[in-house]
Amino acid sequence: MDIDEARGRFAVLRGKESAVSAEELDAVWAALPTVRVEEILGAWRGGEFDTGHPLNGRLRKSGWYGKTFHSAADAKPLIMRGEDGRLHSDTTLGKGEASLWMVEFRGEVTATMVYDGQPVLDHFKAVDDRTLMGIMNGKGFGDGPFFYFFLERD
């Protein structure tokens, strides 16, 4: 799959209201370019792919809005919209915040968010200059199933 096919397939999968297979998402992921930490700084609105992962739907129910990366040392993985409509970083649910590092995942080095209080990593690749695809893994995930998500520049 080339980059144009990957972008097209990403759009189709993102628009699906039914379950998406991890295998399809993995094929898209493999064709996307890696990103550097400095390329992803800023505020991002998030969404997820329904693969049947145990986390599917839980973040949305908790009010998850997205992620904010102020700097490599200051990443906020769980930006939530409160009942009052205001956005805040939920450090209780996230067990702290996070930092950004260049980490090898599936043989490629790409920007990765490392959670401070739990053994979780979010790896990122670029769909385009306003959209990232993410794969969450960590201790206990083994070789999968992973949690697949996306971020759009806010």
C-alpha atoms as a PDB file:
ATOM      1  CA  MET A   1       0.000   0.000   0.000  1.00  0.00           C
ATOM      2  CA  ASP A   2       1.392   3.423  -0.883  1.00  0.00           C
ATOM      3  CA  ILE A   3       0.808   6.626   1.089  1.00  0.00           C
ATOM      4  CA  ASP A   4      -2.147   7.764  -1.042  1.00  0.00           C
ATOM      5  CA  GLU A   5      -3.863   4.399  -0.659  1.00  0.00           C
ATOM      6  CA  ALA A   6      -3.165   4.502   3.086  1.00  0.00           C
ATOM      7  CA  ARG A   7      -4.712   7.958   3.421  1.00  0.00           C
ATOM      8  CA  GLY A   8      -7.774   6.879   1.457  1.00  0.00           C
ATOM      9  CA  ARG A   9      -8.168   3.696   3.482  1.00  0.00           C
ATOM     10  CA  PHE A  10      -7.694   5.652   6.722  1.00  0.00           C
ATOM     11  CA  ALA A  11     -10.569   7.969   5.742  1.00  0.00           C
ATOM     12  CA  VAL A  12     -12.831   4.998   4.955  1.00  0.00           C
ATOM     13  CA  LEU A  13     -11.999   3.198   8.202  1.00  0.00           C
ATOM     14  CA  ARG A  14     -12.393   6.358  10.244  1.00  0.00           C
ATOM     15  CA  GLY A  15     -15.857   6.896   8.802  1.00  0.00           C
ATOM     16  CA  LYS A  16     -17.091   3.407   9.628  1.00  0.00           C
ATOM     17  CA  GLU A  17     -19.722   3.171  12.324  1.00  0.00           C
ATOM     18  CA  SER A  18     -19.134  -0.552  12.683  1.00  0.00           C
ATOM     19  CA  ALA A  19     -16.111  -2.471  13.894  1.00  0.00           C
ATOM     20  CA  VAL A  20     -12.778  -2.098  12.099  1.00  0.00           C
ATOM     21  CA  SER A  21     -10.221  -4.896  11.953  1.00  0.00           C
ATOM     22  CA  ALA A  22      -6.827  -4.404  13.551  1.00  0.00           C
ATOM     23  CA  GLU A  23      -5.281  -6.032  10.460  1.00  0.00           C
ATOM     24  CA  GLU A  24      -6.672  -3.274   8.215  1.00  0.00           C
ATOM     25  CA  LEU A  25      -5.416  -0.607  10.590  1.00  0.00           C
ATOM     26  CA  ASP A  26      -2.003  -2.268  10.750  1.00  0.00           C
ATOM     27  CA  ALA A  27      -1.752  -2.155   6.941  1.00  0.00           C
ATOM     28  CA  VAL A  28      -2.535   1.575   6.960  1.00  0.00           C
ATOM     29  CA  TRP A  29      -0.072   2.159   9.815  1.00  0.00           C
ATOM     30  CA  ALA A  30       2.725   0.400   7.929  1.00  0.00           C
ATOM     31  CA  ALA A  31       2.366   2.778   4.958  1.00  0.00           C
ATOM     32  CA  LEU A  32       2.287   6.033   6.950  1.00  0.00           C
ATOM     33  CA  PRO A  33       5.384   8.142   7.634  1.00  0.00           C
ATOM     34  CA  THR A  34       6.882   8.464  11.091  1.00  0.00           C
ATOM     35  CA  VAL A  35       6.877  11.824  12.879  1.00  0.00           C
ATOM     36  CA  ARG A  36       9.307  13.706  15.088  1.00  0.00           C
ATOM     37  CA  VAL A  37       8.346  15.107  18.494  1.00  0.00           C
ATOM     38  CA  GLU A  38       8.645  18.721  17.369  1.00  0.00           C
ATOM     39  CA  GLU A  39       6.212  18.079  14.487  1.00  0.00           C
ATOM     40  CA  ILE A  40       3.346  17.094  16.764  1.00  0.00           C
ATOM     41  CA  LEU A  41       3.474  19.817  19.426  1.00  0.00           C
ATOM     42  CA  GLY A  42       0.137  21.531  19.995  1.00  0.00           C
ATOM     43  CA  ALA A  43      -3.459  20.702  20.877  1.00  0.00           C
ATOM     44  CA  TRP A  44      -5.232  17.718  19.308  1.00  0.00           C
ATOM     45  CA  ARG A  45      -8.826  16.492  19.255  1.00  0.00           C
ATOM     46  CA  GLY A  46      -9.112  12.705  19.463  1.00  0.00           C
ATOM     47  CA  GLY A  47     -11.207   9.796  18.289  1.00  0.00           C
ATOM     48  CA  GLU A  48     -10.908   6.027  18.243  1.00  0.00           C
ATOM     49  CA  PHE A  49     -11.293   3.064  15.942  1.00  0.00           C
ATOM     50  CA  ASP A  50     -13.664   0.381  17.232  1.00  0.00           C
ATOM     51  CA  THR A  51     -11.664  -2.843  17.061  1.00  0.00           C
ATOM     52  CA  GLY A  52     -13.329  -4.486  20.039  1.00  0.00           C
ATOM     53  CA  HIS A  53     -10.476  -3.474  22.337  1.00  0.00           C
ATOM     54  CA  PRO A  54     -11.529  -3.334  26.026  1.00  0.00           C
ATOM     55  CA  LEU A  55     -10.793   0.427  26.047  1.00  0.00           C
ATOM     56  CA  ASN A  56     -13.176   1.146  23.134  1.00  0.00           C
ATOM     57  CA  GLY A  57     -15.869   3.581  24.254  1.00  0.00           C
ATOM     58  CA  ARG A  58     -14.519   4.046  27.766  1.00  0.00           C
ATOM     59  CA  LEU A  59     -12.564   7.233  27.040  1.00  0.00           C
ATOM     60  CA  ARG A  60     -15.500   8.828  25.221  1.00  0.00           C
ATOM     61  CA  LYS A  61     -17.803   8.020  28.169  1.00  0.00           C
ATOM     62  CA  SER A  62     -15.265   9.680  30.477  1.00  0.00           C
ATOM     63  CA  GLY A  63     -15.376  12.893  28.435  1.00  0.00           C
ATOM     64  CA  TRP A  64     -12.104  12.451  26.498  1.00  0.00           C
ATOM     65  CA  TYR A  65     -11.518  15.358  24.151  1.00  0.00           C
ATOM     66  CA  GLY A  66      -7.940  14.754  23.002  1.00  0.00           C
ATOM     67  CA  LYS A  67      -4.286  15.329  23.866  1.00  0.00           C
ATOM     68  CA  THR A  68      -2.052  18.382  24.226  1.00  0.00           C
ATOM     69  CA  PHE A  69       1.698  18.396  23.697  1.00  0.00           C
ATOM     70  CA  HIS A  70       3.251  21.618  25.034  1.00  0.00           C
ATOM     71  CA  SER A  71       6.822  20.294  24.792  1.00  0.00           C
ATOM     72  CA  ALA A  72       8.685  17.006  24.909  1.00  0.00           C
ATOM     73  CA  ALA A  73       8.611  17.151  28.711  1.00  0.00           C
ATOM     74  CA  ASP A  74       5.018  18.399  29.024  1.00  0.00           C
ATOM     75  CA  ALA A  75       2.437  16.133  27.375  1.00  0.00           C
ATOM     76  CA  LYS A  76      -1.152  15.820  28.531  1.00  0.00           C
ATOM     77  CA  PRO A  77      -2.624  12.494  27.388  1.00  0.00           C
ATOM     78  CA  LEU A  78      -6.134  12.892  28.718  1.00  0.00           C
ATOM     79  CA  ILE A  79      -7.676  16.256  27.945  1.00  0.00           C
ATOM     80  CA  MET A  80     -11.270  15.946  29.092  1.00  0.00           C
ATOM     81  CA  ARG A  81     -14.332  18.120  28.676  1.00  0.00           C
ATOM     82  CA  GLY A  82     -15.908  18.651  32.076  1.00  0.00           C
ATOM     83  CA  GLU A  83     -19.613  18.994  32.808  1.00  0.00           C
ATOM     84  CA  ASP A  84     -19.105  22.769  32.715  1.00  0.00           C
ATOM     85  CA  GLY A  85     -17.795  22.467  29.129  1.00  0.00           C
ATOM     86  CA  ARG A  86     -14.239  23.446  30.048  1.00  0.00           C
ATOM     87  CA  LEU A  87     -11.208  21.398  29.029  1.00  0.00           C
ATOM     88  CA  HIS A  88      -8.772  20.069  31.646  1.00  0.00           C
ATOM     89  CA  SER A  89      -6.040  17.466  31.994  1.00  0.00           C
ATOM     90  CA  ASP A  90      -7.311  14.451  33.948  1.00  0.00           C
ATOM     91  CA  THR A  91      -4.268  13.398  35.946  1.00  0.00           C
ATOM     92  CA  THR A  92      -6.290  11.008  38.104  1.00  0.00           C
ATOM     93  CA  LEU A  93      -7.521   8.843  35.229  1.00  0.00           C
ATOM     94  CA  GLY A  94      -4.159   9.113  33.460  1.00  0.00           C
ATOM     95  CA  LYS A  95      -2.190   8.513  36.678  1.00  0.00           C
ATOM     96  CA  GLY A  96      -0.199  11.661  35.957  1.00  0.00           C
ATOM     97  CA  GLU A  97       0.693  13.159  32.637  1.00  0.00           C
ATOM     98  CA  ALA A  98       3.358  12.167  30.084  1.00  0.00           C
ATOM     99  CA  SER A  99       6.392  13.083  28.003  1.00  0.00           C
ATOM    100  CA  LEU A 100       7.302  12.652  24.352  1.00  0.00           C
ATOM    101  CA  TRP A 101      10.211  10.550  23.111  1.00  0.00           C
ATOM    102  CA  MET A 102      11.473   9.067  19.876  1.00  0.00           C
ATOM    103  CA  VAL A 103      10.883   5.327  20.342  1.00  0.00           C
ATOM    104  CA  GLU A 104      11.258   2.306  18.092  1.00  0.00           C
ATOM    105  CA  PHE A 105       7.991   0.483  17.397  1.00  0.00           C
ATOM    106  CA  ARG A 106       7.631  -2.175  14.714  1.00  0.00           C
ATOM    107  CA  GLY A 107      11.119  -1.445  13.428  1.00  0.00           C
ATOM    108  CA  GLU A 108      10.626   2.320  12.991  1.00  0.00           C
ATOM    109  CA  VAL A 109      11.514   5.217  15.274  1.00  0.00           C
ATOM    110  CA  THR A 110       8.613   7.627  15.707  1.00  0.00           C
ATOM    111  CA  ALA A 111       7.276  10.171  18.215  1.00  0.00           C
ATOM    112  CA  THR A 112       5.831   8.343  21.199  1.00  0.00           C
ATOM    113  CA  MET A 113       4.053   9.558  24.309  1.00  0.00           C
ATOM    114  CA  VAL A 114       5.266   7.809  27.476  1.00  0.00           C
ATOM    115  CA  TYR A 115       2.807   7.983  30.365  1.00  0.00           C
ATOM    116  CA  ASP A 116       4.281   9.051  33.703  1.00  0.00           C
ATOM    117  CA  GLY A 117       2.267   6.838  36.039  1.00  0.00           C
ATOM    118  CA  GLN A 118       1.576   3.674  34.085  1.00  0.00           C
ATOM    119  CA  PRO A 119       3.405   1.418  31.615  1.00  0.00           C
ATOM    120  CA  VAL A 120       1.647   2.799  28.526  1.00  0.00           C
ATOM    121  CA  LEU A 121       3.037   4.172  25.255  1.00  0.00           C
ATOM    122  CA  ASP A 122       1.176   5.971  22.448  1.00  0.00           C
ATOM    123  CA  HIS A 123       3.032   5.763  19.118  1.00  0.00           C
ATOM    124  CA  PHE A 124       2.209   8.264  16.362  1.00  0.00           C
ATOM    125  CA  LYS A 125       2.417   8.413  12.575  1.00  0.00           C
ATOM    126  CA  ALA A 126       1.269  11.134  10.177  1.00  0.00           C
ATOM    127  CA  VAL A 127      -1.778  10.684   7.980  1.00  0.00           C
ATOM    128  CA  ASP A 128      -1.312  14.266   6.780  1.00  0.00           C
ATOM    129  CA  ASP A 129      -0.137  17.547   8.314  1.00  0.00           C
ATOM    130  CA  ARG A 130      -3.319  17.844  10.429  1.00  0.00           C
ATOM    131  CA  THR A 131      -3.995  14.203  11.332  1.00  0.00           C
ATOM    132  CA  LEU A 132      -2.122  11.562  13.311  1.00  0.00           C
ATOM    133  CA  MET A 133      -2.810   7.868  13.681  1.00  0.00           C
ATOM    134  CA  GLY A 134      -1.969   6.413  17.080  1.00  0.00           C
ATOM    135  CA  ILE A 135      -1.405   2.972  18.524  1.00  0.00           C
ATOM    136  CA  MET A 136      -1.443   2.538  22.295  1.00  0.00           C
ATOM    137  CA  ASN A 137       0.541  -0.298  23.788  1.00  0.00           C
ATOM    138  CA  GLY A 138       2.403  -1.096  26.966  1.00  0.00           C
ATOM    139  CA  LYS A 139       3.006  -3.656  29.618  1.00  0.00           C
ATOM    140  CA  GLY A 140       0.303  -6.257  29.411  1.00  0.00           C
ATOM    141  CA  PHE A 141      -0.493  -5.568  25.763  1.00  0.00           C
ATOM    142  CA  GLY A 142       2.076  -8.051  24.415  1.00  0.00           C
ATOM    143  CA  ASP A 143       1.803  -8.148  20.629  1.00  0.00           C
ATOM    144  CA  GLY A 144      -1.771  -6.876  20.780  1.00  0.00           C
ATOM    145  CA  PRO A 145      -4.555  -6.295  20.649  1.00  0.00           C
ATOM    146  CA  PHE A 146      -3.655  -2.646  20.626  1.00  0.00           C
ATOM    147  CA  PHE A 147      -5.895   0.401  21.037  1.00  0.00           C
ATOM    148  CA  TYR A 148      -6.036   2.342  17.738  1.00  0.00           C
ATOM    149  CA  PHE A 149      -6.953   6.018  17.671  1.00  0.00           C
ATOM    150  CA  PHE A 150      -6.504   9.242  15.733  1.00  0.00           C
ATOM    151  CA  LEU A 151      -5.814  12.871  16.520  1.00  0.00           C
ATOM    152  CA  GLU A 152      -6.686  16.016  14.533  1.00  0.00           C
ATOM    153  CA  ARG A 153      -5.048  19.387  15.087  1.00  0.00           C
ATOM    154  CA  ASP A 154      -7.342  21.535  17.201  1.00  0.00           C
END
